Amino acid sequence: MCLAIPAKVVEKLENSMLKVRVGNGPTLLTASGMLLPEPAEVGDYLIVHAGFAMKRLDPREAEESLAALREFATALEKDGQI
C-alpha cells in the first residue's frame, strides 16, 4: 500500500525537475514533473510517487489531507502506537 502525502513545490530546477517539501515537515525531495500535463509552479501541491509528480492537487484538498494525516498521527501517538 502506498500512502500519498501532498508535496509542495518550493523550487523549479532544470529539465522539468522540481524540489518539493513533503507534508509540512523538513523533508525535501527532487521529483520529475515530466508526467504532469502542465508544468508545475512554485506553491503547487503535488502527489509524488517513485520520483515522479503524478498529479497536481487543489490547495484546499492538499491542506485537508495534511490536516487529516496530522490528526491520525496525533491519535496514534496518544494510543502509544508511535
PDB file of N, CA and C in Angstrom:
ATOM      1  N   MET A   1       0.842  -1.169   0.000  1.00  0.00           N
ATOM      2  CA  MET A   1       0.000   0.000   0.000  1.00  0.00           C
ATOM      3  C   MET A   1       0.890   1.237   0.000  1.00  0.00           C
ATOM      4  N   CYS A   2       0.471   2.237  -0.728  1.00  0.00           N
ATOM      5  CA  CYS A   2       1.224   3.484  -0.814  1.00  0.00           C
ATOM      6  C   CYS A   2       0.380   4.602  -0.210  1.00  0.00           C
ATOM      7  N   LEU A   3       0.967   5.361   0.683  1.00  0.00           N
ATOM      8  CA  LEU A   3       0.278   6.495   1.278  1.00  0.00           C
ATOM      9  C   LEU A   3       0.784   7.758   0.598  1.00  0.00           C
ATOM     10  N   ALA A   4      -0.106   8.455  -0.080  1.00  0.00           N
ATOM     11  CA  ALA A   4       0.276   9.660  -0.808  1.00  0.00           C
ATOM     12  C   ALA A   4       0.144  10.878   0.102  1.00  0.00           C
ATOM     13  N   ILE A   5       1.256  11.541   0.330  1.00  0.00           N
ATOM     14  CA  ILE A   5       1.278  12.742   1.150  1.00  0.00           C
ATOM     15  C   ILE A   5       1.533  13.927   0.224  1.00  0.00           C
ATOM     16  N   PRO A   6       0.704  14.957   0.294  1.00  0.00           N
ATOM     17  CA  PRO A   6       0.925  16.109  -0.586  1.00  0.00           C
ATOM     18  C   PRO A   6       2.317  16.707  -0.394  1.00  0.00           C
ATOM     19  N   ALA A   7       2.934  17.039  -1.518  1.00  0.00           N
ATOM     20  CA  ALA A   7       4.253  17.663  -1.524  1.00  0.00           C
ATOM     21  C   ALA A   7       4.115  19.024  -2.213  1.00  0.00           C
ATOM     22  N   LYS A   8       4.686  20.058  -1.601  1.00  0.00           N
ATOM     23  CA  LYS A   8       4.571  21.420  -2.127  1.00  0.00           C
ATOM     24  C   LYS A   8       5.837  21.799  -2.888  1.00  0.00           C
ATOM     25  N   VAL A   9       5.664  22.321  -4.095  1.00  0.00           N
ATOM     26  CA  VAL A   9       6.805  22.745  -4.904  1.00  0.00           C
ATOM     27  C   VAL A   9       7.425  23.988  -4.261  1.00  0.00           C
ATOM     28  N   VAL A  10       8.715  23.898  -3.948  1.00  0.00           N
ATOM     29  CA  VAL A  10       9.416  25.038  -3.350  1.00  0.00           C
ATOM     30  C   VAL A  10      10.423  25.656  -4.319  1.00  0.00           C
ATOM     31  N   GLU A  11      10.773  24.896  -5.382  1.00  0.00           N
ATOM     32  CA  GLU A  11      11.744  25.418  -6.349  1.00  0.00           C
ATOM     33  C   GLU A  11      11.629  24.638  -7.657  1.00  0.00           C
ATOM     34  N   LYS A  12      11.715  25.358  -8.770  1.00  0.00           N
ATOM     35  CA  LYS A  12      11.776  24.721 -10.084  1.00  0.00           C
ATOM     36  C   LYS A  12      13.246  24.623 -10.480  1.00  0.00           C
ATOM     37  N   LEU A  13      13.658  23.429 -10.889  1.00  0.00           N
ATOM     38  CA  LEU A  13      15.032  23.184 -11.305  1.00  0.00           C
ATOM     39  C   LEU A  13      15.062  23.009 -12.826  1.00  0.00           C
ATOM     40  N   GLU A  14      16.197  22.649 -13.373  1.00  0.00           N
ATOM     41  CA  GLU A  14      16.314  22.431 -14.815  1.00  0.00           C
ATOM     42  C   GLU A  14      15.667  21.112 -15.236  1.00  0.00           C
ATOM     43  N   ASN A  15      15.334  21.005 -16.533  1.00  0.00           N
ATOM     44  CA  ASN A  15      14.846  19.760 -17.141  1.00  0.00           C
ATOM     45  C   ASN A  15      13.595  19.193 -16.483  1.00  0.00           C
ATOM     46  N   SER A  16      12.633  20.040 -16.175  1.00  0.00           N
ATOM     47  CA  SER A  16      11.353  19.626 -15.572  1.00  0.00           C
ATOM     48  C   SER A  16      11.503  19.033 -14.175  1.00  0.00           C
ATOM     49  N   MET A  17      12.638  19.253 -13.537  1.00  0.00           N
ATOM     50  CA  MET A  17      12.833  18.748 -12.184  1.00  0.00           C
ATOM     51  C   MET A  17      12.333  19.785 -11.182  1.00  0.00           C
ATOM     52  N   LEU A  18      11.828  19.297 -10.059  1.00  0.00           N
ATOM     53  CA  LEU A  18      11.234  20.139  -9.031  1.00  0.00           C
ATOM     54  C   LEU A  18      11.797  19.768  -7.673  1.00  0.00           C
ATOM     55  N   LYS A  19      11.981  20.743  -6.818  1.00  0.00           N
ATOM     56  CA  LYS A  19      12.305  20.481  -5.416  1.00  0.00           C
ATOM     57  C   LYS A  19      10.995  20.651  -4.665  1.00  0.00           C
ATOM     58  N   VAL A  20      10.583  19.617  -3.920  1.00  0.00           N
ATOM     59  CA  VAL A  20       9.301  19.632  -3.230  1.00  0.00           C
ATOM     60  C   VAL A  20       9.496  19.341  -1.748  1.00  0.00           C
ATOM     61  N   ARG A  21       8.625  19.944  -0.912  1.00  0.00           N
ATOM     62  CA  ARG A  21       8.622  19.701   0.536  1.00  0.00           C
ATOM     63  C   ARG A  21       7.484  18.723   0.814  1.00  0.00           C
ATOM     64  N   VAL A  22       7.809  17.646   1.520  1.00  0.00           N
ATOM     65  CA  VAL A  22       6.825  16.611   1.830  1.00  0.00           C
ATOM     66  C   VAL A  22       6.050  17.013   3.069  1.00  0.00           C
ATOM     67  N   GLY A  23       4.720  17.086   2.937  1.00  0.00           N
ATOM     68  CA  GLY A  23       3.885  17.496   4.066  1.00  0.00           C
ATOM     69  C   GLY A  23       4.306  18.858   4.579  1.00  0.00           C
ATOM     70  N   ASN A  24       4.287  19.028   5.886  1.00  0.00           N
ATOM     71  CA  ASN A  24       4.699  20.290   6.496  1.00  0.00           C
ATOM     72  C   ASN A  24       6.060  20.155   7.157  1.00  0.00           C
ATOM     73  N   GLY A  25       6.706  19.038   6.957  1.00  0.00           N
ATOM     74  CA  GLY A  25       7.969  18.775   7.629  1.00  0.00           C
ATOM     75  C   GLY A  25       9.176  19.308   6.885  1.00  0.00           C
ATOM     76  N   PRO A  26      10.359  18.952   7.374  1.00  0.00           N
ATOM     77  CA  PRO A  26      11.600  19.450   6.789  1.00  0.00           C
ATOM     78  C   PRO A  26      12.082  18.645   5.581  1.00  0.00           C
ATOM     79  N   THR A  27      11.389  17.553   5.246  1.00  0.00           N
ATOM     80  CA  THR A  27      11.860  16.676   4.182  1.00  0.00           C
ATOM     81  C   THR A  27      11.682  17.298   2.809  1.00  0.00           C
ATOM     82  N   LEU A  28      12.772  17.381   2.063  1.00  0.00           N
ATOM     83  CA  LEU A  28      12.754  17.872   0.684  1.00  0.00           C
ATOM     84  C   LEU A  28      13.148  16.745  -0.254  1.00  0.00           C
ATOM     85  N   LEU A  29      12.473  16.651  -1.395  1.00  0.00           N
ATOM     86  CA  LEU A  29      12.783  15.667  -2.424  1.00  0.00           C
ATOM     87  C   LEU A  29      12.950  16.376  -3.754  1.00  0.00           C
ATOM     88  N   THR A  30      13.654  15.722  -4.649  1.00  0.00           N
ATOM     89  CA  THR A  30      13.701  16.177  -6.029  1.00  0.00           C
ATOM     90  C   THR A  30      12.832  15.221  -6.828  1.00  0.00           C
ATOM     91  N   ALA A  31      11.911  15.781  -7.604  1.00  0.00           N
ATOM     92  CA  ALA A  31      10.979  14.965  -8.374  1.00  0.00           C
ATOM     93  C   ALA A  31      10.900  15.479  -9.804  1.00  0.00           C
ATOM     94  N   SER A  32      10.608  14.590 -10.703  1.00  0.00           N
ATOM     95  CA  SER A  32      10.421  14.966 -12.097  1.00  0.00           C
ATOM     96  C   SER A  32       8.983  15.409 -12.320  1.00  0.00           C
ATOM     97  N   GLY A  33       8.807  16.504 -13.029  1.00  0.00           N
ATOM     98  CA  GLY A  33       7.472  16.977 -13.384  1.00  0.00           C
ATOM     99  C   GLY A  33       7.078  16.613 -14.801  1.00  0.00           C
ATOM    100  N   MET A  34       7.857  15.746 -15.462  1.00  0.00           N
ATOM    101  CA  MET A  34       7.629  15.461 -16.874  1.00  0.00           C
ATOM    102  C   MET A  34       6.326  14.723 -17.163  1.00  0.00           C
ATOM    103  N   LEU A  35       5.715  14.076 -16.176  1.00  0.00           N
ATOM    104  CA  LEU A  35       4.463  13.360 -16.409  1.00  0.00           C
ATOM    105  C   LEU A  35       3.220  14.228 -16.201  1.00  0.00           C
ATOM    106  N   LEU A  36       3.404  15.433 -15.684  1.00  0.00           N
ATOM    107  CA  LEU A  36       2.264  16.325 -15.479  1.00  0.00           C
ATOM    108  C   LEU A  36       1.804  16.903 -16.816  1.00  0.00           C
ATOM    109  N   PRO A  37       0.495  17.076 -16.995  1.00  0.00           N
ATOM    110  CA  PRO A  37       0.002  17.635 -18.258  1.00  0.00           C
ATOM    111  C   PRO A  37       0.422  19.093 -18.480  1.00  0.00           C
ATOM    112  N   GLU A  38       0.613  19.831 -17.393  1.00  0.00           N
ATOM    113  CA  GLU A  38       1.060  21.221 -17.464  1.00  0.00           C
ATOM    114  C   GLU A  38       2.200  21.398 -16.470  1.00  0.00           C
ATOM    115  N   PRO A  39       3.142  22.293 -16.759  1.00  0.00           N
ATOM    116  CA  PRO A  39       4.263  22.498 -15.832  1.00  0.00           C
ATOM    117  C   PRO A  39       3.784  22.932 -14.448  1.00  0.00           C
ATOM    118  N   ALA A  40       4.431  22.399 -13.425  1.00  0.00           N
ATOM    119  CA  ALA A  40       4.133  22.791 -12.045  1.00  0.00           C
ATOM    120  C   ALA A  40       4.808  24.126 -11.756  1.00  0.00           C
ATOM    121  N   GLU A  41       4.218  24.864 -10.837  1.00  0.00           N
ATOM    122  CA  GLU A  41       4.756  26.154 -10.417  1.00  0.00           C
ATOM    123  C   GLU A  41       5.068  26.108  -8.929  1.00  0.00           C
ATOM    124  N   VAL A  42       5.956  26.985  -8.490  1.00  0.00           N
ATOM    125  CA  VAL A  42       6.257  27.095  -7.063  1.00  0.00           C
ATOM    126  C   VAL A  42       4.945  27.376  -6.323  1.00  0.00           C
ATOM    127  N   GLY A  43       4.704  26.637  -5.255  1.00  0.00           N
ATOM    128  CA  GLY A  43       3.481  26.776  -4.475  1.00  0.00           C
ATOM    129  C   GLY A  43       2.438  25.717  -4.792  1.00  0.00           C
ATOM    130  N   ASP A  44       2.564  25.033  -5.938  1.00  0.00           N
ATOM    131  CA  ASP A  44       1.632  23.959  -6.272  1.00  0.00           C
ATOM    132  C   ASP A  44       1.828  22.781  -5.329  1.00  0.00           C
ATOM    133  N   TYR A  45       0.745  22.066  -5.068  1.00  0.00           N
ATOM    134  CA  TYR A  45       0.806  20.812  -4.317  1.00  0.00           C
ATOM    135  C   TYR A  45       0.712  19.657  -5.302  1.00  0.00           C
ATOM    136  N   LEU A  46       1.534  18.644  -5.097  1.00  0.00           N
ATOM    137  CA  LEU A  46       1.600  17.508  -5.994  1.00  0.00           C
ATOM    138  C   LEU A  46       1.574  16.209  -5.208  1.00  0.00           C
ATOM    139  N   ILE A  47       1.188  15.143  -5.905  1.00  0.00           N
ATOM    140  CA  ILE A  47       1.379  13.794  -5.396  1.00  0.00           C
ATOM    141  C   ILE A  47       2.591  13.248  -6.136  1.00  0.00           C
ATOM    142  N   VAL A  48       3.603  12.805  -5.390  1.00  0.00           N
ATOM    143  CA  VAL A  48       4.847  12.302  -5.968  1.00  0.00           C
ATOM    144  C   VAL A  48       4.962  10.818  -5.646  1.00  0.00           C
ATOM    145  N   HIS A  49       5.274  10.027  -6.661  1.00  0.00           N
ATOM    146  CA  HIS A  49       5.463   8.585  -6.467  1.00  0.00           C
ATOM    147  C   HIS A  49       6.683   8.151  -7.267  1.00  0.00           C
ATOM    148  N   ALA A  50       7.592   7.463  -6.612  1.00  0.00           N
ATOM    149  CA  ALA A  50       8.790   6.924  -7.260  1.00  0.00           C
ATOM    150  C   ALA A  50       9.565   7.997  -8.020  1.00  0.00           C
ATOM    151  N   GLY A  51       9.606   9.204  -7.449  1.00  0.00           N
ATOM    152  CA  GLY A  51      10.396  10.271  -8.044  1.00  0.00           C
ATOM    153  C   GLY A  51       9.711  11.067  -9.141  1.00  0.00           C
ATOM    154  N   PHE A  52       8.444  10.776  -9.405  1.00  0.00           N
ATOM    155  CA  PHE A  52       7.694  11.482 -10.442  1.00  0.00           C
ATOM    156  C   PHE A  52       6.461  12.146  -9.848  1.00  0.00           C
ATOM    157  N   ALA A  53       6.241  13.404 -10.196  1.00  0.00           N
ATOM    158  CA  ALA A  53       4.998  14.079  -9.821  1.00  0.00           C
ATOM    159  C   ALA A  53       3.901  13.482 -10.691  1.00  0.00           C
ATOM    160  N   MET A  54       2.877  12.928 -10.052  1.00  0.00           N
ATOM    161  CA  MET A  54       1.821  12.214 -10.775  1.00  0.00           C
ATOM    162  C   MET A  54       0.563  13.048 -10.970  1.00  0.00           C
ATOM    163  N   LYS A  55       0.305  13.954 -10.025  1.00  0.00           N
ATOM    164  CA  LYS A  55      -0.952  14.693 -10.054  1.00  0.00           C
ATOM    165  C   LYS A  55      -0.797  15.994  -9.303  1.00  0.00           C
ATOM    166  N   ARG A  56      -1.409  17.042  -9.809  1.00  0.00           N
ATOM    167  CA  ARG A  56      -1.481  18.328  -9.103  1.00  0.00           C
ATOM    168  C   ARG A  56      -2.757  18.300  -8.251  1.00  0.00           C
ATOM    169  N   LEU A  57      -2.647  18.810  -7.028  1.00  0.00           N
ATOM    170  CA  LEU A  57      -3.795  18.858  -6.115  1.00  0.00           C
ATOM    171  C   LEU A  57      -4.290  20.288  -5.964  1.00  0.00           C
ATOM    172  N   ASP A  58      -5.568  20.410  -5.734  1.00  0.00           N
ATOM    173  CA  ASP A  58      -6.144  21.688  -5.347  1.00  0.00           C
ATOM    174  C   ASP A  58      -5.571  22.039  -3.975  1.00  0.00           C
ATOM    175  N   PRO A  59      -5.150  23.290  -3.745  1.00  0.00           N
ATOM    176  CA  PRO A  59      -4.548  23.647  -2.445  1.00  0.00           C
ATOM    177  C   PRO A  59      -5.432  23.296  -1.248  1.00  0.00           C
ATOM    178  N   ARG A  60      -6.733  23.494  -1.383  1.00  0.00           N
ATOM    179  CA  ARG A  60      -7.649  23.177  -0.271  1.00  0.00           C
ATOM    180  C   ARG A  60      -7.656  21.673   0.001  1.00  0.00           C
ATOM    181  N   GLU A  61      -7.696  20.880  -1.068  1.00  0.00           N
ATOM    182  CA  GLU A  61      -7.658  19.418  -0.935  1.00  0.00           C
ATOM    183  C   GLU A  61      -6.359  18.976  -0.259  1.00  0.00           C
ATOM    184  N   ALA A  62      -5.244  19.589  -0.646  1.00  0.00           N
ATOM    185  CA  ALA A  62      -3.952  19.243  -0.050  1.00  0.00           C
ATOM    186  C   ALA A  62      -3.922  19.588   1.432  1.00  0.00           C
ATOM    187  N   GLU A  63      -4.400  20.772   1.800  1.00  0.00           N
ATOM    188  CA  GLU A  63      -4.406  21.191   3.203  1.00  0.00           C
ATOM    189  C   GLU A  63      -5.319  20.289   4.032  1.00  0.00           C
ATOM    190  N   GLU A  64      -6.464  19.892   3.475  1.00  0.00           N
ATOM    191  CA  GLU A  64      -7.369  18.985   4.183  1.00  0.00           C
ATOM    192  C   GLU A  64      -6.718  17.622   4.394  1.00  0.00           C
ATOM    193  N   SER A  65      -6.006  17.128   3.389  1.00  0.00           N
ATOM    194  CA  SER A  65      -5.298  15.850   3.516  1.00  0.00           C
ATOM    195  C   SER A  65      -4.222  15.924   4.592  1.00  0.00           C
ATOM    196  N   LEU A  66      -3.456  17.015   4.592  1.00  0.00           N
ATOM    197  CA  LEU A  66      -2.407  17.181   5.599  1.00  0.00           C
ATOM    198  C   LEU A  66      -2.992  17.282   7.002  1.00  0.00           C
ATOM    199  N   ALA A  67      -4.113  17.985   7.148  1.00  0.00           N
ATOM    200  CA  ALA A  67      -4.767  18.100   8.458  1.00  0.00           C
ATOM    201  C   ALA A  67      -5.245  16.728   8.939  1.00  0.00           C
ATOM    202  N   ALA A  68      -5.828  15.933   8.038  1.00  0.00           N
ATOM    203  CA  ALA A  68      -6.299  14.595   8.396  1.00  0.00           C
ATOM    204  C   ALA A  68      -5.131  13.697   8.815  1.00  0.00           C
ATOM    205  N   LEU A  69      -4.019  13.780   8.100  1.00  0.00           N
ATOM    206  CA  LEU A  69      -2.842  12.988   8.452  1.00  0.00           C
ATOM    207  C   LEU A  69      -2.277  13.390   9.812  1.00  0.00           C
ATOM    208  N   ARG A  70      -2.295  14.709  10.102  1.00  0.00           N
ATOM    209  CA  ARG A  70      -1.827  15.178  11.420  1.00  0.00           C
ATOM    210  C   ARG A  70      -2.728  14.647  12.525  1.00  0.00           C
ATOM    211  N   GLU A  71      -4.054  14.674  12.322  1.00  0.00           N
ATOM    212  CA  GLU A  71      -4.994  14.152  13.316  1.00  0.00           C
ATOM    213  C   GLU A  71      -4.761  12.661  13.550  1.00  0.00           C
ATOM    214  N   PHE A  72      -4.547  11.933  12.474  1.00  0.00           N
ATOM    215  CA  PHE A  72      -4.304  10.491  12.570  1.00  0.00           C
ATOM    216  C   PHE A  72      -3.027  10.213  13.362  1.00  0.00           C
ATOM    217  N   ALA A  73      -1.967  10.951  13.060  1.00  0.00           N
ATOM    218  CA  ALA A  73      -0.701  10.776  13.767  1.00  0.00           C
ATOM    219  C   ALA A  73      -0.855  11.106  15.244  1.00  0.00           C
ATOM    220  N   THR A  74      -1.604  12.159  15.565  1.00  0.00           N
ATOM    221  CA  THR A  74      -1.843  12.538  16.958  1.00  0.00           C
ATOM    222  C   THR A  74      -2.599  11.446  17.704  1.00  0.00           C
ATOM    223  N   ALA A  75      -3.609  10.871  17.047  1.00  0.00           N
ATOM    224  CA  ALA A  75      -4.390   9.790  17.667  1.00  0.00           C
ATOM    225  C   ALA A  75      -3.517   8.564  17.924  1.00  0.00           C
ATOM    226  N   LEU A  76      -2.670   8.223  16.968  1.00  0.00           N
ATOM    227  CA  LEU A  76      -1.765   7.075  17.157  1.00  0.00           C
ATOM    228  C   LEU A  76      -0.780   7.339  18.290  1.00  0.00           C
ATOM    229  N   GLU A  77      -0.301   8.566  18.367  1.00  0.00           N
ATOM    230  CA  GLU A  77       0.643   8.931  19.421  1.00  0.00           C
ATOM    231  C   GLU A  77      -0.010   8.826  20.796  1.00  0.00           C
ATOM    232  N   LYS A  78      -1.254   9.295  20.905  1.00  0.00           N
ATOM    233  CA  LYS A  78      -1.982   9.212  22.176  1.00  0.00           C
ATOM    234  C   LYS A  78      -2.211   7.768  22.610  1.00  0.00           C
ATOM    235  N   ASP A  79      -2.424   6.870  21.634  1.00  0.00           N
ATOM    236  CA  ASP A  79      -2.637   5.463  21.923  1.00  0.00           C
ATOM    237  C   ASP A  79      -1.326   4.715  22.147  1.00  0.00           C
ATOM    238  N   GLY A  80      -0.195   5.414  22.025  1.00  0.00           N
ATOM    239  CA  GLY A  80       1.096   4.785  22.220  1.00  0.00           C
ATOM    240  C   GLY A  80       1.533   3.900  21.064  1.00  0.00           C
ATOM    241  N   GLN A  81       0.909   4.086  19.910  1.00  0.00           N
ATOM    242  CA  GLN A  81       1.238   3.253  18.756  1.00  0.00           C
ATOM    243  C   GLN A  81       2.413   3.786  17.946  1.00  0.00           C
ATOM    244  N   ILE A  82       2.799   5.026  18.207  1.00  0.00           N
ATOM    245  CA  ILE A  82       4.008   5.570  17.545  1.00  0.00           C
ATOM    246  C   ILE A  82       4.815   6.340  18.549  1.00  0.00           C
TER     247      ILE A  82
END
